């Protein structure tokens, strides 16, 4: 799990009441940030394992899934 997802409300230093929507927006931004880092890491591994077609295929499937679920849709962890 990405270390950036610790507490989405920890950015607020004042004592204002956070609405659930603000929390969900923070979580969505953190998910997209972490997903971008994971996709970069997968890209590096695709280059590293370019001779192994089986591994490259698996990495491409993971990249496509992560990009769709977390970057385009932003619905990755809504069920949790």
PDB file of N, CA and C in Angstrom:
ATOM      1  N   UNK A   1       0.840  -1.174   0.000  1.00  0.00           N
ATOM      2  CA  UNK A   1       0.000   0.000   0.000  1.00  0.00           C
ATOM      3  C   UNK A   1       0.880   1.229   0.000  1.00  0.00           C
ATOM      4  N   UNK A   2       0.418   2.258  -0.605  1.00  0.00           N
ATOM      5  CA  UNK A   2       1.165   3.498  -0.708  1.00  0.00           C
ATOM      6  C   UNK A   2       1.266   4.164   0.663  1.00  0.00           C
ATOM      7  N   UNK A   3       2.454   4.588   1.076  1.00  0.00           N
ATOM      8  CA  UNK A   3       2.597   5.195   2.399  1.00  0.00           C
ATOM      9  C   UNK A   3       1.900   6.534   2.527  1.00  0.00           C
ATOM     10  N   UNK A   4       1.509   7.142   1.404  1.00  0.00           N
ATOM     11  CA  UNK A   4       0.838   8.439   1.471  1.00  0.00           C
ATOM     12  C   UNK A   4      -0.573   8.317   2.031  1.00  0.00           C
ATOM     13  N   UNK A   5      -1.167   7.119   1.969  1.00  0.00           N
ATOM     14  CA  UNK A   5      -2.524   6.948   2.475  1.00  0.00           C
ATOM     15  C   UNK A   5      -2.439   6.586   3.953  1.00  0.00           C
ATOM     16  N   UNK A   6      -2.328   7.602   4.772  1.00  0.00           N
ATOM     17  CA  UNK A   6      -2.279   7.393   6.211  1.00  0.00           C
ATOM     18  C   UNK A   6      -3.541   7.951   6.829  1.00  0.00           C
ATOM     19  N   UNK A   7      -3.722   9.233   6.674  1.00  0.00           N
ATOM     20  CA  UNK A   7      -4.914   9.872   7.195  1.00  0.00           C
ATOM     21  C   UNK A   7      -5.290  11.015   6.274  1.00  0.00           C
ATOM     22  N   UNK A   8      -6.353  10.871   5.514  1.00  0.00           N
ATOM     23  CA  UNK A   8      -6.719  11.919   4.570  1.00  0.00           C
ATOM     24  C   UNK A   8      -7.118  13.222   5.237  1.00  0.00           C
ATOM     25  N   UNK A   9      -7.432  13.204   6.519  1.00  0.00           N
ATOM     26  CA  UNK A   9      -7.824  14.435   7.205  1.00  0.00           C
ATOM     27  C   UNK A   9      -6.669  15.058   7.965  1.00  0.00           C
ATOM     28  N   UNK A  10      -5.482  14.483   7.928  1.00  0.00           N
ATOM     29  CA  UNK A  10      -4.363  15.011   8.693  1.00  0.00           C
ATOM     30  C   UNK A  10      -3.836  16.324   8.128  1.00  0.00           C
ATOM     31  N   UNK A  11      -4.267  16.711   6.945  1.00  0.00           N
ATOM     32  CA  UNK A  11      -3.796  17.955   6.347  1.00  0.00           C
ATOM     33  C   UNK A  11      -4.450  19.183   6.974  1.00  0.00           C
ATOM     34  N   UNK A  12      -5.542  19.016   7.671  1.00  0.00           N
ATOM     35  CA  UNK A  12      -6.263  20.142   8.244  1.00  0.00           C
ATOM     36  C   UNK A  12      -5.755  20.404   9.656  1.00  0.00           C
ATOM     37  N   UNK A  13      -5.080  21.550   9.839  1.00  0.00           N
ATOM     38  CA  UNK A  13      -4.522  21.862  11.150  1.00  0.00           C
ATOM     39  C   UNK A  13      -5.529  22.569  12.050  1.00  0.00           C
ATOM     40  N   UNK A  14      -6.542  23.193  11.474  1.00  0.00           N
ATOM     41  CA  UNK A  14      -7.528  23.870  12.312  1.00  0.00           C
ATOM     42  C   UNK A  14      -8.588  22.883  12.784  1.00  0.00           C
ATOM     43  N   UNK A  15      -9.504  23.364  13.575  1.00  0.00           N
ATOM     44  CA  UNK A  15     -10.520  22.489  14.162  1.00  0.00           C
ATOM     45  C   UNK A  15     -11.824  22.494  13.375  1.00  0.00           C
ATOM     46  N   UNK A  16     -11.767  22.733  12.086  1.00  0.00           N
ATOM     47  CA  UNK A  16     -12.991  22.741  11.290  1.00  0.00           C
ATOM     48  C   UNK A  16     -13.503  21.326  11.113  1.00  0.00           C
ATOM     49  N   UNK A  17     -14.783  21.221  10.963  1.00  0.00           N
ATOM     50  CA  UNK A  17     -15.427  19.924  10.751  1.00  0.00           C
ATOM     51  C   UNK A  17     -15.233  19.517   9.301  1.00  0.00           C
ATOM     52  N   UNK A  18     -14.722  18.323   9.073  1.00  0.00           N
ATOM     53  CA  UNK A  18     -14.529  17.816   7.713  1.00  0.00           C
ATOM     54  C   UNK A  18     -15.762  17.031   7.282  1.00  0.00           C
ATOM     55  N   UNK A  19     -16.257  17.371   6.111  1.00  0.00           N
ATOM     56  CA  UNK A  19     -17.400  16.640   5.586  1.00  0.00           C
ATOM     57  C   UNK A  19     -16.914  15.350   4.944  1.00  0.00           C
ATOM     58  N   UNK A  20     -17.778  14.347   4.816  1.00  0.00           N
ATOM     59  CA  UNK A  20     -17.370  13.103   4.149  1.00  0.00           C
ATOM     60  C   UNK A  20     -16.890  13.333   2.722  1.00  0.00           C
ATOM     61  N   UNK A  21     -17.442  14.335   2.030  1.00  0.00           N
ATOM     62  CA  UNK A  21     -17.023  14.609   0.662  1.00  0.00           C
ATOM     63  C   UNK A  21     -15.574  15.076   0.625  1.00  0.00           C
ATOM     64  N   UNK A  22     -15.181  15.911   1.583  1.00  0.00           N
ATOM     65  CA  UNK A  22     -13.792  16.366   1.634  1.00  0.00           C
ATOM     66  C   UNK A  22     -12.861  15.184   1.847  1.00  0.00           C
ATOM     67  N   UNK A  23     -13.258  14.277   2.704  1.00  0.00           N
ATOM     68  CA  UNK A  23     -12.429  13.108   2.958  1.00  0.00           C
ATOM     69  C   UNK A  23     -12.313  12.248   1.705  1.00  0.00           C
ATOM     70  N   UNK A  24     -13.417  12.051   1.002  1.00  0.00           N
ATOM     71  CA  UNK A  24     -13.389  11.235  -0.210  1.00  0.00           C
ATOM     72  C   UNK A  24     -12.530  11.896  -1.292  1.00  0.00           C
ATOM     73  N   UNK A  25     -12.587  13.240  -1.382  1.00  0.00           N
ATOM     74  CA  UNK A  25     -11.754  13.934  -2.361  1.00  0.00           C
ATOM     75  C   UNK A  25     -10.281  13.750  -2.034  1.00  0.00           C
ATOM     76  N   UNK A  26      -9.934  13.842  -0.744  1.00  0.00           N
ATOM     77  CA  UNK A  26      -8.543  13.636  -0.338  1.00  0.00           C
ATOM     78  C   UNK A  26      -8.086  12.222  -0.657  1.00  0.00           C
ATOM     79  N   UNK A  27      -8.932  11.256  -0.368  1.00  0.00           N
ATOM     80  CA  UNK A  27      -8.583   9.861  -0.638  1.00  0.00           C
ATOM     81  C   UNK A  27      -8.401   9.644  -2.136  1.00  0.00           C
ATOM     82  N   UNK A  28      -9.281  10.220  -2.946  1.00  0.00           N
ATOM     83  CA  UNK A  28      -9.170  10.059  -4.400  1.00  0.00           C
ATOM     84  C   UNK A  28      -7.865  10.656  -4.922  1.00  0.00           C
ATOM     85  N   UNK A  29      -7.482  11.824  -4.397  1.00  0.00           N
ATOM     86  CA  UNK A  29      -6.221  12.435  -4.824  1.00  0.00           C
ATOM     87  C   UNK A  29      -5.027  11.585  -4.421  1.00  0.00           C
ATOM     88  N   UNK A  30      -5.062  11.041  -3.217  1.00  0.00           N
ATOM     89  CA  UNK A  30      -3.970  10.183  -2.767  1.00  0.00           C
ATOM     90  C   UNK A  30      -3.891   8.908  -3.595  1.00  0.00           C
ATOM     91  N   UNK A  31      -5.052   8.345  -3.933  1.00  0.00           N
ATOM     92  CA  UNK A  31      -5.070   7.133  -4.750  1.00  0.00           C
ATOM     93  C   UNK A  31      -4.460   7.392  -6.117  1.00  0.00           C
ATOM     94  N   UNK A  32      -4.816   8.528  -6.731  1.00  0.00           N
ATOM     95  CA  UNK A  32      -4.272   8.839  -8.051  1.00  0.00           C
ATOM     96  C   UNK A  32      -2.767   9.057  -7.982  1.00  0.00           C
ATOM     97  N   UNK A  33      -2.307   9.706  -6.922  1.00  0.00           N
ATOM     98  CA  UNK A  33      -0.875   9.940  -6.754  1.00  0.00           C
ATOM     99  C   UNK A  33      -0.121   8.623  -6.599  1.00  0.00           C
ATOM    100  N   UNK A  34      -0.644   7.747  -5.760  1.00  0.00           N
ATOM    101  CA  UNK A  34      -0.005   6.442  -5.556  1.00  0.00           C
ATOM    102  C   UNK A  34      -0.075   5.595  -6.819  1.00  0.00           C
ATOM    103  N   UNK A  35      -1.202   5.653  -7.507  1.00  0.00           N
ATOM    104  CA  UNK A  35      -1.353   4.876  -8.741  1.00  0.00           C
ATOM    105  C   UNK A  35      -0.345   5.329  -9.787  1.00  0.00           C
ATOM    106  N   UNK A  36      -0.100   6.630  -9.867  1.00  0.00           N
ATOM    107  CA  UNK A  36       0.877   7.135 -10.834  1.00  0.00           C
ATOM    108  C   UNK A  36       2.274   6.610 -10.521  1.00  0.00           C
ATOM    109  N   UNK A  37       2.619   6.555  -9.227  1.00  0.00           N
ATOM    110  CA  UNK A  37       3.930   6.023  -8.848  1.00  0.00           C
ATOM    111  C   UNK A  37       4.031   4.529  -9.144  1.00  0.00           C
ATOM    112  N   UNK A  38       2.958   3.804  -8.913  1.00  0.00           N
ATOM    113  CA  UNK A  38       2.956   2.364  -9.193  1.00  0.00           C
ATOM    114  C   UNK A  38       3.088   2.118 -10.694  1.00  0.00           C
ATOM    115  N   UNK A  39       2.381   2.909 -11.499  1.00  0.00           N
ATOM    116  CA  UNK A  39       2.463   2.766 -12.953  1.00  0.00           C
ATOM    117  C   UNK A  39       3.880   3.056 -13.439  1.00  0.00           C
ATOM    118  N   UNK A  40       4.530   4.070 -12.869  1.00  0.00           N
ATOM    119  CA  UNK A  40       5.929   4.349 -13.234  1.00  0.00           C
ATOM    120  C   UNK A  40       6.827   3.163 -12.906  1.00  0.00           C
ATOM    121  N   UNK A  41       6.597   2.563 -11.758  1.00  0.00           N
ATOM    122  CA  UNK A  41       7.386   1.399 -11.354  1.00  0.00           C
ATOM    123  C   UNK A  41       7.138   0.219 -12.302  1.00  0.00           C
ATOM    124  N   UNK A  42       5.892   0.015 -12.683  1.00  0.00           N
ATOM    125  CA  UNK A  42       5.569  -1.060 -13.629  1.00  0.00           C
ATOM    126  C   UNK A  42       6.248  -0.801 -14.973  1.00  0.00           C
ATOM    127  N   UNK A  43       6.254   0.459 -15.417  1.00  0.00           N
ATOM    128  CA  UNK A  43       6.928   0.786 -16.678  1.00  0.00           C
ATOM    129  C   UNK A  43       8.414   0.425 -16.632  1.00  0.00           C
ATOM    130  N   UNK A  44       9.057   0.719 -15.512  1.00  0.00           N
ATOM    131  CA  UNK A  44      10.476   0.356 -15.376  1.00  0.00           C
ATOM    132  C   UNK A  44      10.659  -1.160 -15.430  1.00  0.00           C
ATOM    133  N   UNK A  45       9.742  -1.890 -14.804  1.00  0.00           N
ATOM    134  CA  UNK A  45       9.845  -3.351 -14.825  1.00  0.00           C
ATOM    135  C   UNK A  45       9.534  -3.935 -16.197  1.00  0.00           C
ATOM    136  N   UNK A  46       8.662  -3.287 -16.949  1.00  0.00           N
ATOM    137  CA  UNK A  46       8.394  -3.746 -18.318  1.00  0.00           C
ATOM    138  C   UNK A  46       9.677  -3.665 -19.137  1.00  0.00           C
ATOM    139  N   UNK A  47      10.416  -2.583 -18.980  1.00  0.00           N
ATOM    140  CA  UNK A  47      11.693  -2.450 -19.685  1.00  0.00           C
ATOM    141  C   UNK A  47      12.679  -3.500 -19.188  1.00  0.00           C
ATOM    142  N   UNK A  48      12.704  -3.709 -17.888  1.00  0.00           N
ATOM    143  CA  UNK A  48      13.640  -4.675 -17.294  1.00  0.00           C
ATOM    144  C   UNK A  48      13.379  -6.104 -17.787  1.00  0.00           C
ATOM    145  N   UNK A  49      12.099  -6.480 -17.883  1.00  0.00           N
ATOM    146  CA  UNK A  49      11.733  -7.849 -18.256  1.00  0.00           C
ATOM    147  C   UNK A  49      11.270  -7.959 -19.707  1.00  0.00           C
ATOM    148  N   UNK A  50      11.733  -7.084 -20.569  1.00  0.00           N
ATOM    149  CA  UNK A  50      11.241  -7.062 -21.955  1.00  0.00           C
ATOM    150  C   UNK A  50      11.526  -8.347 -22.726  1.00  0.00           C
ATOM    151  N   UNK A  51      12.506  -9.110 -22.300  1.00  0.00           N
ATOM    152  CA  UNK A  51      12.817 -10.377 -22.976  1.00  0.00           C
ATOM    153  C   UNK A  51      11.869 -11.503 -22.556  1.00  0.00           C
ATOM    154  N   UNK A  52      11.278 -11.367 -21.390  1.00  0.00           N
ATOM    155  CA  UNK A  52      10.371 -12.392 -20.856  1.00  0.00           C
ATOM    156  C   UNK A  52       8.932 -11.990 -21.206  1.00  0.00           C
ATOM    157  N   UNK A  53       8.399 -12.575 -22.269  1.00  0.00           N
ATOM    158  CA  UNK A  53       7.076 -12.174 -22.755  1.00  0.00           C
ATOM    159  C   UNK A  53       5.964 -12.446 -21.745  1.00  0.00           C
ATOM    160  N   UNK A  54       6.087 -13.511 -21.003  1.00  0.00           N
ATOM    161  CA  UNK A  54       5.062 -13.853 -20.010  1.00  0.00           C
ATOM    162  C   UNK A  54       5.000 -12.783 -18.912  1.00  0.00           C
ATOM    163  N   UNK A  55       6.167 -12.388 -18.396  1.00  0.00           N
ATOM    164  CA  UNK A  55       6.209 -11.368 -17.350  1.00  0.00           C
ATOM    165  C   UNK A  55       5.763 -10.012 -17.892  1.00  0.00           C
ATOM    166  N   UNK A  56       6.199  -9.681 -19.093  1.00  0.00           N
ATOM    167  CA  UNK A  56       5.800  -8.414 -19.704  1.00  0.00           C
ATOM    168  C   UNK A  56       4.292  -8.353 -19.886  1.00  0.00           C
ATOM    169  N   UNK A  57       3.695  -9.451 -20.294  1.00  0.00           N
ATOM    170  CA  UNK A  57       2.248  -9.500 -20.469  1.00  0.00           C
ATOM    171  C   UNK A  57       1.527  -9.271 -19.144  1.00  0.00           C
ATOM    172  N   UNK A  58       1.999  -9.912 -18.081  1.00  0.00           N
ATOM    173  CA  UNK A  58       1.385  -9.730 -16.761  1.00  0.00           C
ATOM    174  C   UNK A  58       1.503  -8.282 -16.295  1.00  0.00           C
ATOM    175  N   UNK A  59       2.670  -7.689 -16.502  1.00  0.00           N
ATOM    176  CA  UNK A  59       2.877  -6.299 -16.090  1.00  0.00           C
ATOM    177  C   UNK A  59       1.973  -5.348 -16.866  1.00  0.00           C
ATOM    178  N   UNK A  60       1.800  -5.600 -18.152  1.00  0.00           N
ATOM    179  CA  UNK A  60       0.922  -4.751 -18.957  1.00  0.00           C
ATOM    180  C   UNK A  60      -0.532  -4.848 -18.502  1.00  0.00           C
ATOM    181  N   UNK A  61      -0.960  -6.044 -18.127  1.00  0.00           N
ATOM    182  CA  UNK A  61      -2.327  -6.216 -17.624  1.00  0.00           C
ATOM    183  C   UNK A  61      -2.498  -5.459 -16.309  1.00  0.00           C
ATOM    184  N   UNK A  62      -1.511  -5.565 -15.416  1.00  0.00           N
ATOM    185  CA  UNK A  62      -1.574  -4.829 -14.145  1.00  0.00           C
ATOM    186  C   UNK A  62      -1.618  -3.327 -14.387  1.00  0.00           C
ATOM    187  N   UNK A  63      -0.776  -2.854 -15.296  1.00  0.00           N
ATOM    188  CA  UNK A  63      -0.732  -1.424 -15.601  1.00  0.00           C
ATOM    189  C   UNK A  63      -2.078  -0.937 -16.127  1.00  0.00           C
ATOM    190  N   UNK A  64      -2.670  -1.710 -17.034  1.00  0.00           N
ATOM    191  CA  UNK A  64      -3.963  -1.332 -17.611  1.00  0.00           C
ATOM    192  C   UNK A  64      -5.044  -1.279 -16.531  1.00  0.00           C
ATOM    193  N   UNK A  65      -5.067  -2.272 -15.643  1.00  0.00           N
ATOM    194  CA  UNK A  65      -6.064  -2.321 -14.577  1.00  0.00           C
ATOM    195  C   UNK A  65      -5.897  -1.140 -13.618  1.00  0.00           C
ATOM    196  N   UNK A  66      -4.685  -0.895 -13.178  1.00  0.00           N
ATOM    197  CA  UNK A  66      -4.437   0.199 -12.230  1.00  0.00           C
ATOM    198  C   UNK A  66      -4.778   1.537 -12.868  1.00  0.00           C
ATOM    199  N   UNK A  67      -4.387   1.715 -14.108  1.00  0.00           N
ATOM    200  CA  UNK A  67      -4.688   2.977 -14.787  1.00  0.00           C
ATOM    201  C   UNK A  67      -6.194   3.189 -14.910  1.00  0.00           C
ATOM    202  N   UNK A  68      -6.916   2.152 -15.279  1.00  0.00           N
ATOM    203  CA  UNK A  68      -8.364   2.282 -15.444  1.00  0.00           C
ATOM    204  C   UNK A  68      -9.062   2.524 -14.109  1.00  0.00           C
ATOM    205  N   UNK A  69      -8.739   1.720 -13.100  1.00  0.00           N
ATOM    206  CA  UNK A  69      -9.451   1.791 -11.826  1.00  0.00           C
ATOM    207  C   UNK A  69      -9.117   3.028 -11.005  1.00  0.00           C
ATOM    208  N   UNK A  70      -7.862   3.450 -11.017  1.00  0.00           N
ATOM    209  CA  UNK A  70      -7.444   4.502 -10.102  1.00  0.00           C
ATOM    210  C   UNK A  70      -7.185   5.841 -10.765  1.00  0.00           C
ATOM    211  N   UNK A  71      -6.776   5.861 -12.017  1.00  0.00           N
ATOM    212  CA  UNK A  71      -6.456   7.127 -12.667  1.00  0.00           C
ATOM    213  C   UNK A  71      -7.657   7.654 -13.444  1.00  0.00           C
ATOM    214  N   UNK A  72      -8.237   6.829 -14.312  1.00  0.00           N
ATOM    215  CA  UNK A  72      -9.361   7.290 -15.127  1.00  0.00           C
ATOM    216  C   UNK A  72     -10.655   7.372 -14.331  1.00  0.00           C
ATOM    217  N   UNK A  73     -11.002   6.307 -13.648  1.00  0.00           N
ATOM    218  CA  UNK A  73     -12.275   6.246 -12.936  1.00  0.00           C
ATOM    219  C   UNK A  73     -12.188   6.831 -11.531  1.00  0.00           C
ATOM    220  N   UNK A  74     -11.093   6.565 -10.854  1.00  0.00           N
ATOM    221  CA  UNK A  74     -10.950   7.043  -9.485  1.00  0.00           C
ATOM    222  C   UNK A  74     -11.841   6.318  -8.498  1.00  0.00           C
ATOM    223  N   UNK A  75     -12.196   5.067  -8.786  1.00  0.00           N
ATOM    224  CA  UNK A  75     -13.123   4.334  -7.921  1.00  0.00           C
ATOM    225  C   UNK A  75     -12.455   3.174  -7.207  1.00  0.00           C
ATOM    226  N   UNK A  76     -11.165   3.181  -7.112  1.00  0.00           N
ATOM    227  CA  UNK A  76     -10.410   2.041  -6.622  1.00  0.00           C
ATOM    228  C   UNK A  76     -10.830   1.449  -5.298  1.00  0.00           C
ATOM    229  N   UNK A  77     -10.831   2.231  -4.210  1.00  0.00           N
ATOM    230  CA  UNK A  77     -11.068   1.683  -2.881  1.00  0.00           C
ATOM    231  C   UNK A  77     -12.415   2.100  -2.300  1.00  0.00           C
ATOM    232  N   UNK A  78     -13.387   2.440  -3.125  1.00  0.00           N
ATOM    233  CA  UNK A  78     -14.659   2.925  -2.600  1.00  0.00           C
ATOM    234  C   UNK A  78     -15.391   1.894  -1.764  1.00  0.00           C
ATOM    235  N   UNK A  79     -15.179   0.630  -2.023  1.00  0.00           N
ATOM    236  CA  UNK A  79     -15.897  -0.403  -1.290  1.00  0.00           C
ATOM    237  C   UNK A  79     -15.368  -0.651   0.105  1.00  0.00           C
ATOM    238  N   UNK A  80     -14.199  -0.104   0.435  1.00  0.00           N
ATOM    239  CA  UNK A  80     -13.589  -0.374   1.731  1.00  0.00           C
ATOM    240  C   UNK A  80     -13.959   0.645   2.765  1.00  0.00           C
TER     241      UNK A  80
END
